[in-house]
């Protein structure tokens, strides 16, 4: 199992960034997928998840209306569109399987993450 996150960088408050996660080593289309973030000094949190088949998505309250999770099963790729960025979105963003941190489908193999820094 392997995840390669990309697309992070420096964003301005109110701006946008688009993250991607290329997954391999497992049947991507059959798994729920999630984005997590880890900010310095703050416990890692699950930001959003999407079901297999793309029928259901869920977000933490702080990103509702601003972030959109999506997937392209043909490309084994998970996306996170981040709009209306806020400084508190600054974190290292990761993807993984499952819809909950304790789900049995979560892989112990994490990618390197992609950094998002929101600052003017």
Protein backbone atom coordinates (compact mmCIF):
# COMPACT_ATOMS: atom_id res chain seq x y z
CA UNK A 1 0.00 0.00 0.00
CA UNK A 2 1.36 3.38 -0.96
CA UNK A 3 0.07 6.94 -0.91
CA UNK A 4 1.72 9.90 -2.61
CA UNK A 5 0.25 13.26 -1.69
CA UNK A 6 0.90 16.40 -3.69
CA UNK A 7 -0.42 19.86 -4.43
CA UNK A 8 0.29 21.61 -1.18
CA UNK A 9 2.10 24.87 -0.84
CA UNK A 10 1.67 28.44 0.26
CA UNK A 11 -1.83 29.80 0.03
CA UNK A 12 -3.24 33.15 0.97
CA UNK A 13 -6.19 33.58 3.31
CA UNK A 14 -9.29 33.35 1.19
CA UNK A 15 -7.41 31.58 -1.56
CA UNK A 16 -7.52 28.04 -2.89
CA UNK A 17 -5.32 24.97 -3.14
CA UNK A 18 -5.95 21.58 -4.72
CA UNK A 19 -4.47 18.45 -3.18
CA UNK A 20 -4.06 15.06 -4.83
CA UNK A 21 -3.30 11.62 -3.45
CA UNK A 22 -2.15 8.86 -5.79
CA UNK A 23 -2.82 5.48 -4.20
CA UNK A 24 -1.42 2.10 -5.18
CA UNK A 25 -1.09 -1.44 -3.96
CA UNK A 26 -4.77 -2.11 -3.25
CA UNK A 27 -8.12 -2.01 -5.08
CA UNK A 28 -8.68 1.71 -4.68
CA UNK A 29 -12.25 1.77 -5.98
CA UNK A 30 -13.48 -0.57 -3.26
CA UNK A 31 -12.33 1.53 -0.33
CA UNK A 32 -13.66 4.56 1.50
CA UNK A 33 -10.93 7.18 1.46
CA UNK A 34 -10.02 10.06 3.77
CA UNK A 35 -7.93 13.15 4.11
CA UNK A 36 -6.20 13.84 7.42
CA UNK A 37 -4.19 16.80 8.61
CA UNK A 38 -1.59 17.27 11.29
CA UNK A 39 -0.68 20.72 12.49
CA UNK A 40 2.27 21.38 14.82
CA UNK A 41 1.28 20.89 18.42
CA UNK A 42 -2.19 19.67 17.49
CA UNK A 43 -3.46 16.12 17.34
CA UNK A 44 -3.97 14.74 13.85
CA UNK A 45 -7.58 14.98 12.65
CA UNK A 46 -9.61 13.42 9.90
CA UNK A 47 -10.75 16.27 7.67
CA UNK A 48 -13.03 14.55 5.18
CA UNK A 49 -13.95 11.15 3.82
CA UNK A 50 -15.66 9.79 0.74
CA UNK A 51 -17.35 6.46 0.23
CA UNK A 52 -16.52 4.00 -2.46
CA UNK A 53 -18.81 4.85 -5.34
CA UNK A 54 -18.63 8.55 -4.33
CA UNK A 55 -22.16 8.46 -2.94
CA UNK A 56 -21.35 9.88 0.48
CA UNK A 57 -18.95 12.52 1.75
CA UNK A 58 -18.46 13.90 5.24
CA UNK A 59 -16.43 16.81 6.57
CA UNK A 60 -15.39 18.19 9.91
CA UNK A 61 -17.35 21.29 10.83
CA UNK A 62 -14.45 23.67 10.35
CA UNK A 63 -14.16 22.92 6.62
CA UNK A 64 -17.81 22.49 5.66
CA UNK A 65 -18.63 24.71 2.71
CA UNK A 66 -14.96 25.32 1.98
CA UNK A 67 -13.39 21.93 1.18
CA UNK A 68 -14.56 19.31 -1.29
CA UNK A 69 -13.33 15.74 -1.35
CA UNK A 70 -13.57 13.75 -4.56
CA UNK A 71 -12.03 10.73 -6.25
CA UNK A 72 -11.21 9.37 -9.68
CA UNK A 73 -11.20 5.61 -9.44
CA UNK A 74 -9.83 5.24 -12.96
CA UNK A 75 -6.73 7.13 -11.84
CA UNK A 76 -6.54 5.70 -8.31
CA UNK A 77 -6.50 9.30 -7.13
CA UNK A 78 -8.15 11.13 -4.25
CA UNK A 79 -8.56 14.90 -4.30
CA UNK A 80 -9.19 17.70 -1.84
CA UNK A 81 -10.25 21.07 -3.20
CA UNK A 82 -9.59 23.69 -0.55
CA UNK A 83 -11.29 27.06 -0.96
CA UNK A 84 -11.60 30.08 1.30
CA UNK A 85 -8.41 29.08 3.06
CA UNK A 86 -7.84 30.12 6.64
CA UNK A 87 -4.58 30.29 8.62
CA UNK A 88 -5.90 27.46 10.81
CA UNK A 89 -5.87 25.19 7.75
CA UNK A 90 -2.07 25.21 7.95
CA UNK A 91 -0.98 21.60 8.41
CA UNK A 92 0.58 18.58 6.78
CA UNK A 93 -2.16 16.79 4.81
CA UNK A 94 -2.28 13.03 4.35
CA UNK A 95 -4.63 10.53 2.76
CA UNK A 96 -5.50 7.02 3.83
CA UNK A 97 -8.21 4.42 3.54
CA UNK A 98 -11.37 4.26 5.61
CA UNK A 99 -13.81 6.78 7.07
CA UNK A 100 -12.57 6.79 10.66
CA UNK A 101 -9.12 6.75 12.25
CA UNK A 102 -9.96 3.48 14.01
CA UNK A 103 -11.35 1.75 10.93
CA UNK A 104 -9.74 -1.60 10.22
CA UNK A 105 -9.14 -0.48 6.65
CA UNK A 106 -6.74 2.27 7.66
CA UNK A 107 -3.31 1.39 6.36
CA UNK A 108 -0.28 1.52 8.60
CA UNK A 109 1.64 2.80 5.59
CA UNK A 110 1.28 6.56 5.42
CA UNK A 111 2.63 8.82 2.73
CA UNK A 112 4.91 11.76 3.34
CA UNK A 113 2.02 14.17 3.22
CA UNK A 114 1.83 17.50 1.48
CA UNK A 115 2.27 20.73 3.44
CA UNK A 116 -0.29 23.50 3.33
CA UNK A 117 0.69 26.89 4.70
CA UNK A 118 -1.89 29.63 4.75
CA UNK A 119 -0.38 33.01 5.33
CA UNK A 120 -0.47 36.50 3.91
